[in-house]
């Protein structure tokens, strides 16, 4: 779980982010897709070959909410006992749960309710322990049950809240190299929501604003779509270049005009366009990694949900890194053979 000082910093970032953003998001673009497409077109032109265009992944298949939801038994208080706690704040909370609204509460509202419930039980127990000792003992047992249920209520919020599901699975845009104003607020929101699993924080009113931050930014989905796009496109380009690199002319270690133009294309599109986006992606990945690691080891979260997180935060990121590494090494080999450096070109093809 995030350290207290990190959570405090995260909350400050979050409040700033909420104030600056609406519900349409503050960053993201299709530039990386356009740049990779142009990279492919330029390489194909110089090599005089066809490099197939691949469709970008648009949606990440998160398991259905119904599959991930854990049913939490409601507490039924006999009418006789209900009247005995009317002078406690607990009485109004129990009444709230029994209303139609209470029975159809959103996952975030249910978590807020459960947090408030546990935080008021002790006061009520203390106020009735002399007049209604049996009921006080019953409420003590109820508190124990509620504390045990808390991780599952939290897990329902993480796994089934519509805002969180959109943030984790659907982004219409990709990461941008520079314009990422709400990324910090999104990372902070995930850190804060994660630490609510075991927190005794009484001020739970921030839960919905933080979920709205995530719904707006879609940062995790944006990262995972971008890494999948880069891996997919670079793997295709690497294969195409590798199939022709041995025949590219470099007589006596001197680069031909064709190889020089290829180097220029590599610099203009990979070094200047793709790498800056990759640098941002790496940064956000490592900032989010404590959250993903916490979720992956949490017994309250559904195995299918954890498998989804692992697929994208671990396996997908590794595949992206591998695609970058193989692509760069191929270019290093070609440029070394032709005594070229990946420097800024005077003119690009």
Protein backbone atom coordinates (compact mmCIF):
# COMPACT_ATOMS: atom_id res chain seq x y z
CA UNK A 1 0.00 0.00 0.00
CA UNK A 2 1.22 3.57 -0.66
CA UNK A 3 3.02 5.24 2.22
CA UNK A 4 1.06 7.97 4.06
CA UNK A 5 3.24 10.77 2.71
CA UNK A 6 2.72 9.55 -0.84
CA UNK A 7 -1.04 9.40 -0.31
CA UNK A 8 -1.06 12.96 1.04
CA UNK A 9 0.87 14.16 -2.00
CA UNK A 10 -1.43 12.16 -4.23
CA UNK A 11 -4.49 13.82 -2.73
CA UNK A 12 -3.06 17.27 -3.32
CA UNK A 13 -2.36 16.40 -6.94
CA UNK A 14 -5.84 14.95 -7.25
CA UNK A 15 -7.57 18.07 -5.95
CA UNK A 16 -5.62 20.18 -8.42
CA UNK A 17 -6.53 17.79 -11.22
CA UNK A 18 -10.23 17.79 -10.38
CA UNK A 19 -10.29 21.57 -10.42
CA UNK A 20 -8.62 21.77 -13.81
CA UNK A 21 -10.50 19.17 -15.75
CA UNK A 22 -13.97 18.47 -17.03
CA UNK A 23 -15.35 15.11 -18.02
CA UNK A 24 -13.75 15.00 -21.46
CA UNK A 25 -10.15 14.41 -20.45
CA UNK A 26 -7.08 16.62 -20.67
CA UNK A 27 -4.62 14.69 -22.75
CA UNK A 28 -4.11 12.15 -25.47
CA UNK A 29 -4.04 12.18 -29.25
CA UNK A 30 -3.67 9.99 -32.31
CA UNK A 31 -0.23 11.41 -33.12
CA UNK A 32 1.67 8.23 -32.25
CA UNK A 33 -0.54 6.19 -34.58
CA UNK A 34 -0.07 8.69 -37.41
CA UNK A 35 3.69 8.79 -36.82
CA UNK A 36 3.99 5.00 -36.83
CA UNK A 37 1.91 4.82 -40.01
CA UNK A 38 4.15 7.39 -41.68
CA UNK A 39 7.24 5.54 -40.43
CA UNK A 40 5.92 2.39 -42.09
CA UNK A 41 5.09 4.19 -45.35
CA UNK A 42 8.52 5.85 -45.57
CA UNK A 43 10.42 2.64 -44.83
CA UNK A 44 8.37 0.71 -47.39
CA UNK A 45 9.04 3.39 -50.00
CA UNK A 46 12.80 3.42 -49.47
CA UNK A 47 13.03 -0.39 -49.34
CA UNK A 48 10.61 -0.68 -52.28
CA UNK A 49 8.49 -3.27 -50.50
CA UNK A 50 4.98 -3.64 -49.10
CA UNK A 51 4.61 -3.51 -45.30
CA UNK A 52 1.04 -4.40 -44.28
CA UNK A 53 -0.90 -1.93 -42.16
CA UNK A 54 -2.38 -3.35 -38.94
CA UNK A 55 -5.53 -2.09 -37.25
CA UNK A 56 -4.96 -0.59 -33.81
CA UNK A 57 -6.56 -2.21 -30.77
CA UNK A 58 -9.59 -0.11 -29.80
CA UNK A 59 -10.93 -1.85 -26.68
CA UNK A 60 -9.34 -4.00 -24.01
CA UNK A 61 -11.63 -6.92 -23.01
CA UNK A 62 -12.15 -6.46 -19.28
CA UNK A 63 -14.23 -9.32 -17.75
CA UNK A 64 -17.90 -8.49 -17.21
CA UNK A 65 -18.79 -6.71 -13.97
CA UNK A 66 -21.23 -9.46 -13.02
CA UNK A 67 -18.44 -12.02 -13.17
CA UNK A 68 -16.26 -9.96 -10.83
CA UNK A 69 -18.86 -8.83 -8.28
CA UNK A 70 -18.92 -10.36 -4.80
CA UNK A 71 -22.31 -10.46 -3.07
CA UNK A 72 -22.11 -8.87 0.39
CA UNK A 73 -24.89 -10.03 2.78
CA UNK A 74 -26.95 -7.16 4.16
CA UNK A 75 -27.32 -6.77 7.91
CA UNK A 76 -30.87 -7.34 9.10
CA UNK A 77 -31.60 -5.70 12.45
CA UNK A 78 -34.80 -6.76 14.27
CA UNK A 79 -37.26 -3.89 14.73
CA UNK A 80 -36.94 -4.12 18.51
CA UNK A 81 -33.18 -3.60 18.32
CA UNK A 82 -33.53 -0.94 15.66
CA UNK A 83 -35.51 1.24 18.08
CA UNK A 84 -32.81 0.74 20.73
CA UNK A 85 -30.17 2.41 18.54
CA UNK A 86 -32.29 5.32 17.29
CA UNK A 87 -30.34 7.79 19.40
CA UNK A 88 -27.09 6.60 17.76
CA UNK A 89 -25.92 7.74 14.36
CA UNK A 90 -25.92 4.04 13.58
CA UNK A 91 -29.71 4.08 13.54
CA UNK A 92 -29.89 6.48 10.60
CA UNK A 93 -27.26 4.48 8.71
CA UNK A 94 -29.23 1.26 9.10
CA UNK A 95 -32.38 3.05 7.97
CA UNK A 96 -30.51 4.40 4.94
CA UNK A 97 -29.45 0.91 3.90
CA UNK A 98 -33.03 -0.32 4.06
CA UNK A 99 -34.35 2.30 1.64
CA UNK A 100 -34.76 1.61 -2.08
CA UNK A 101 -31.83 3.92 -2.79
CA UNK A 102 -29.66 2.11 -0.28
CA UNK A 103 -30.42 -1.25 -1.85
CA UNK A 104 -29.39 -0.05 -5.32
CA UNK A 105 -26.34 1.96 -4.28
CA UNK A 106 -23.37 2.20 -6.62
CA UNK A 107 -20.21 0.30 -5.58
CA UNK A 108 -18.54 3.54 -4.50
CA UNK A 109 -21.59 4.53 -2.44
CA UNK A 110 -21.65 1.11 -0.82
CA UNK A 111 -18.01 1.48 0.17
CA UNK A 112 -18.70 4.92 1.66
CA UNK A 113 -21.62 3.45 3.58
CA UNK A 114 -19.57 0.56 4.95
CA UNK A 115 -16.76 2.90 5.98
CA UNK A 116 -19.21 5.16 7.82
CA UNK A 117 -20.87 2.14 9.40
CA UNK A 118 -17.67 0.74 10.90
CA UNK A 119 -16.61 4.20 12.07
CA UNK A 120 -19.88 4.71 14.02
CA UNK A 121 -20.24 1.25 15.54
CA UNK A 122 -17.84 1.83 18.44
CA UNK A 123 -19.61 5.01 19.55
CA UNK A 124 -22.99 3.30 19.48
CA UNK A 125 -21.70 0.25 21.33
CA UNK A 126 -20.28 2.48 24.05
CA UNK A 127 -23.56 4.37 24.41
CA UNK A 128 -25.75 1.27 24.89
CA UNK A 129 -23.45 -1.21 26.62
CA UNK A 130 -25.03 -0.57 30.03
CA UNK A 131 -28.68 -0.28 28.97
CA UNK A 132 -28.65 -2.99 26.29
CA UNK A 133 -25.62 -5.23 26.95
CA UNK A 134 -26.86 -8.07 24.74
CA UNK A 135 -27.40 -5.71 21.81
CA UNK A 136 -23.99 -4.14 22.41
CA UNK A 137 -22.42 -7.59 22.16
CA UNK A 138 -24.39 -8.27 18.99
CA UNK A 139 -23.18 -5.01 17.48
CA UNK A 140 -19.61 -5.90 18.42
CA UNK A 141 -19.98 -9.13 16.47
CA UNK A 142 -21.52 -7.21 13.60
CA UNK A 143 -18.55 -4.86 13.55
CA UNK A 144 -16.22 -7.85 13.34
CA UNK A 145 -18.18 -9.18 10.36
CA UNK A 146 -18.16 -5.78 8.65
CA UNK A 147 -14.42 -5.43 9.11
CA UNK A 148 -13.97 -8.85 7.51
CA UNK A 149 -16.27 -7.87 4.62
CA UNK A 150 -14.54 -4.56 3.99
CA UNK A 151 -11.93 -5.85 1.48
CA UNK A 152 -14.70 -7.38 -0.64
CA UNK A 153 -16.74 -4.16 -0.61
CA UNK A 154 -13.58 -2.32 -1.68
CA UNK A 155 -12.92 -4.94 -4.37
CA UNK A 156 -16.41 -4.42 -5.78
CA UNK A 157 -15.69 -0.71 -6.08
CA UNK A 158 -12.38 -1.36 -7.85
CA UNK A 159 -13.71 -4.05 -10.19
CA UNK A 160 -17.28 -2.99 -10.97
CA UNK A 161 -17.46 0.81 -10.78
CA UNK A 162 -18.28 2.05 -14.26
CA UNK A 163 -15.72 4.85 -13.98
CA UNK A 164 -12.93 2.43 -13.08
CA UNK A 165 -13.92 -0.03 -15.78
CA UNK A 166 -13.76 2.70 -18.43
CA UNK A 167 -10.39 3.85 -17.11
CA UNK A 168 -9.00 0.32 -17.35
CA UNK A 169 -10.48 -0.80 -20.65
CA UNK A 170 -11.53 1.94 -23.05
CA UNK A 171 -9.66 4.97 -24.32
CA UNK A 172 -10.38 6.68 -27.64
CA UNK A 173 -6.88 8.15 -27.72
CA UNK A 174 -3.23 7.24 -27.24
CA UNK A 175 -0.56 8.79 -25.05
CA UNK A 176 0.95 12.04 -26.22
CA UNK A 177 4.62 12.94 -25.93
CA UNK A 178 3.99 16.23 -24.12
CA UNK A 179 0.36 17.08 -23.31
CA UNK A 180 -0.37 14.91 -20.27
CA UNK A 181 -1.68 17.44 -17.75
CA UNK A 182 -4.00 15.09 -15.84
CA UNK A 183 -1.70 12.07 -15.66
CA UNK A 184 -0.49 13.02 -12.17
CA UNK A 185 -4.05 13.36 -10.90
CA UNK A 186 -4.93 9.95 -12.37
CA UNK A 187 -1.96 8.23 -10.75
CA UNK A 188 -2.85 9.93 -7.46
CA UNK A 189 -6.48 8.82 -7.75
CA UNK A 190 -5.50 5.17 -8.21
CA UNK A 191 -3.11 5.36 -5.25
CA UNK A 192 -5.80 6.86 -3.03
CA UNK A 193 -8.50 4.38 -4.03
CA UNK A 194 -6.09 1.50 -3.47
CA UNK A 195 -5.25 2.51 0.09
CA UNK A 196 -8.97 2.67 0.96
CA UNK A 197 -8.90 -1.12 1.26
CA UNK A 198 -7.66 -0.95 4.83
CA UNK A 199 -7.95 2.75 5.61
CA UNK A 200 -9.99 4.04 8.54
CA UNK A 201 -10.36 7.37 6.76
CA UNK A 202 -13.66 8.92 7.77
CA UNK A 203 -13.78 11.49 4.97
CA UNK A 204 -14.89 9.27 2.11
CA UNK A 205 -16.52 12.02 0.05
CA UNK A 206 -13.47 12.10 -2.24
CA UNK A 207 -14.16 8.65 -3.68
CA UNK A 208 -16.53 9.78 -6.45
CA UNK A 209 -14.37 12.76 -7.54
CA UNK A 210 -11.39 10.43 -7.83
CA UNK A 211 -13.38 7.97 -9.91
CA UNK A 212 -14.40 10.87 -12.15
CA UNK A 213 -10.73 11.75 -12.66
CA UNK A 214 -10.09 8.21 -13.84
CA UNK A 215 -13.13 8.13 -16.09
CA UNK A 216 -12.02 11.38 -17.68
CA UNK A 217 -8.37 10.53 -18.26
CA UNK A 218 -8.61 6.77 -18.99
CA UNK A 219 -4.87 6.73 -18.21
CA UNK A 220 -4.37 2.95 -17.73
CA UNK A 221 -6.27 2.08 -20.92
CA UNK A 222 -4.41 4.83 -22.75
CA UNK A 223 -1.06 3.43 -21.63
CA UNK A 224 -1.99 -0.14 -22.50
CA UNK A 225 -3.42 0.74 -25.92
CA UNK A 226 -0.30 2.76 -26.71
CA UNK A 227 2.13 0.02 -25.68
CA UNK A 228 0.14 -2.54 -27.69
CA UNK A 229 0.16 -0.26 -30.74
CA UNK A 230 3.90 0.39 -30.54
CA UNK A 231 4.70 -3.30 -30.06
CA UNK A 232 2.41 -4.35 -32.91
CA UNK A 233 3.75 -1.81 -35.40
CA UNK A 234 7.43 -2.12 -34.49
CA UNK A 235 7.35 -5.91 -34.69
CA UNK A 236 6.02 -5.66 -38.25
CA UNK A 237 8.62 -3.06 -39.21
CA UNK A 238 11.45 -5.00 -37.61
CA UNK A 239 10.52 -8.13 -39.55
CA UNK A 240 10.35 -6.19 -42.82
CA UNK A 241 13.72 -4.48 -42.29
CA UNK A 242 15.39 -7.70 -41.11
CA UNK A 243 14.30 -9.50 -44.28
CA UNK A 244 16.17 -6.94 -46.42
CA UNK A 245 18.96 -5.58 -44.21
CA UNK A 246 21.57 -8.10 -45.37
CA UNK A 247 21.16 -6.98 -48.98
CA UNK A 248 21.36 -3.26 -48.29
CA UNK A 249 24.53 -1.98 -49.96
CA UNK A 250 27.37 -0.61 -47.84
CA UNK A 251 30.45 -1.11 -50.07
CA UNK A 252 33.64 -1.18 -48.02
CA UNK A 253 31.67 -0.08 -44.97
CA UNK A 254 30.44 3.10 -46.63
CA UNK A 255 26.72 3.80 -46.54
CA UNK A 256 24.90 3.93 -49.83
CA UNK A 257 22.36 6.65 -50.55
CA UNK A 258 19.56 4.18 -49.80
CA UNK A 259 20.95 3.34 -46.36
CA UNK A 260 21.54 7.00 -45.58
CA UNK A 261 17.92 7.79 -46.41
CA UNK A 262 16.81 4.87 -44.24
CA UNK A 263 18.88 6.26 -41.36
CA UNK A 264 17.19 9.63 -41.84
CA UNK A 265 13.74 8.02 -41.73
CA UNK A 266 14.72 6.12 -38.57
CA UNK A 267 15.83 9.33 -36.90
CA UNK A 268 12.88 11.46 -37.97
CA UNK A 269 10.17 8.98 -37.00
CA UNK A 270 11.57 6.62 -34.39
CA UNK A 271 14.04 8.82 -32.53
CA UNK A 272 12.07 12.06 -32.75
CA UNK A 273 8.48 10.75 -32.64
CA UNK A 274 8.19 7.27 -31.14
CA UNK A 275 10.85 7.44 -28.45
CA UNK A 276 9.42 10.52 -26.65
CA UNK A 277 6.04 8.79 -26.35
CA UNK A 278 7.80 5.64 -25.14
CA UNK A 279 9.65 7.68 -22.53
CA UNK A 280 6.37 9.04 -21.14
CA UNK A 281 4.81 5.59 -21.25
CA UNK A 282 7.71 4.12 -19.26
CA UNK A 283 7.46 6.90 -16.68
CA UNK A 284 3.75 6.41 -16.08
CA UNK A 285 4.14 2.64 -16.02
CA UNK A 286 6.67 2.77 -13.19
CA UNK A 287 4.62 5.32 -11.24
CA UNK A 288 1.55 3.06 -11.49
CA UNK A 289 3.45 -0.15 -10.82
CA UNK A 290 2.99 -0.03 -6.99
CA UNK A 291 -0.78 0.01 -7.54
CA UNK A 292 -0.70 -2.90 -9.98
CA UNK A 293 1.59 -4.94 -7.72
CA UNK A 294 -0.75 -4.33 -4.79
CA UNK A 295 -3.77 -5.46 -6.80
CA UNK A 296 -2.05 -8.54 -8.18
CA UNK A 297 -1.36 -9.86 -4.68
CA UNK A 298 -4.77 -8.96 -3.20
CA UNK A 299 -6.92 -11.97 -2.30
CA UNK A 300 -10.13 -9.92 -2.38
CA UNK A 301 -9.82 -9.20 -6.10
CA UNK A 302 -11.20 -11.75 -8.56
CA UNK A 303 -8.61 -13.99 -10.34
CA UNK A 304 -10.01 -12.97 -13.74
CA UNK A 305 -9.56 -9.29 -12.87
CA UNK A 306 -6.00 -9.84 -11.68
CA UNK A 307 -5.25 -11.80 -14.83
CA UNK A 308 -6.49 -8.83 -16.87
CA UNK A 309 -4.23 -6.44 -14.95
CA UNK A 310 -1.29 -8.83 -15.29
CA UNK A 311 -1.88 -9.22 -19.03
CA UNK A 312 -1.49 -5.50 -19.64
CA UNK A 313 0.68 -4.14 -16.81
CA UNK A 314 3.21 -6.99 -16.84
CA UNK A 315 3.01 -9.06 -20.01
CA UNK A 316 1.91 -6.26 -22.33
CA UNK A 317 4.60 -3.93 -21.02
CA UNK A 318 7.24 -6.64 -21.40
CA UNK A 319 6.13 -7.27 -25.00
CA UNK A 320 6.35 -3.54 -25.73
CA UNK A 321 9.84 -3.31 -24.21
CA UNK A 322 10.96 -6.34 -26.21
CA UNK A 323 9.66 -4.83 -29.45
CA UNK A 324 11.56 -1.60 -28.77
CA UNK A 325 14.74 -3.48 -27.86
CA UNK A 326 14.73 -5.73 -30.93
CA UNK A 327 13.96 -2.82 -33.24
CA UNK A 328 16.78 -0.68 -31.85
CA UNK A 329 19.30 -3.53 -31.98
CA UNK A 330 18.47 -4.20 -35.63
CA UNK A 331 19.12 -0.57 -36.50
CA UNK A 332 22.32 -0.56 -34.46
CA UNK A 333 23.62 -3.54 -36.43
CA UNK A 334 22.77 -1.95 -39.79
CA UNK A 335 24.22 1.44 -38.91
CA UNK A 336 27.38 -0.13 -37.51
CA UNK A 337 27.90 -2.16 -40.69
CA UNK A 338 27.58 1.01 -42.73
CA UNK A 339 29.57 3.24 -40.34
CA UNK A 340 26.63 5.53 -39.66
CA UNK A 341 25.43 7.10 -36.42
CA UNK A 342 21.77 7.78 -35.55
CA UNK A 343 22.29 11.54 -35.69
CA UNK A 344 19.95 14.25 -36.90
CA UNK A 345 19.79 14.15 -40.70
CA UNK A 346 20.47 17.14 -42.88
CA UNK A 347 17.45 16.13 -44.93
CA UNK A 348 15.08 13.20 -44.50
CA UNK A 349 13.46 11.02 -47.07
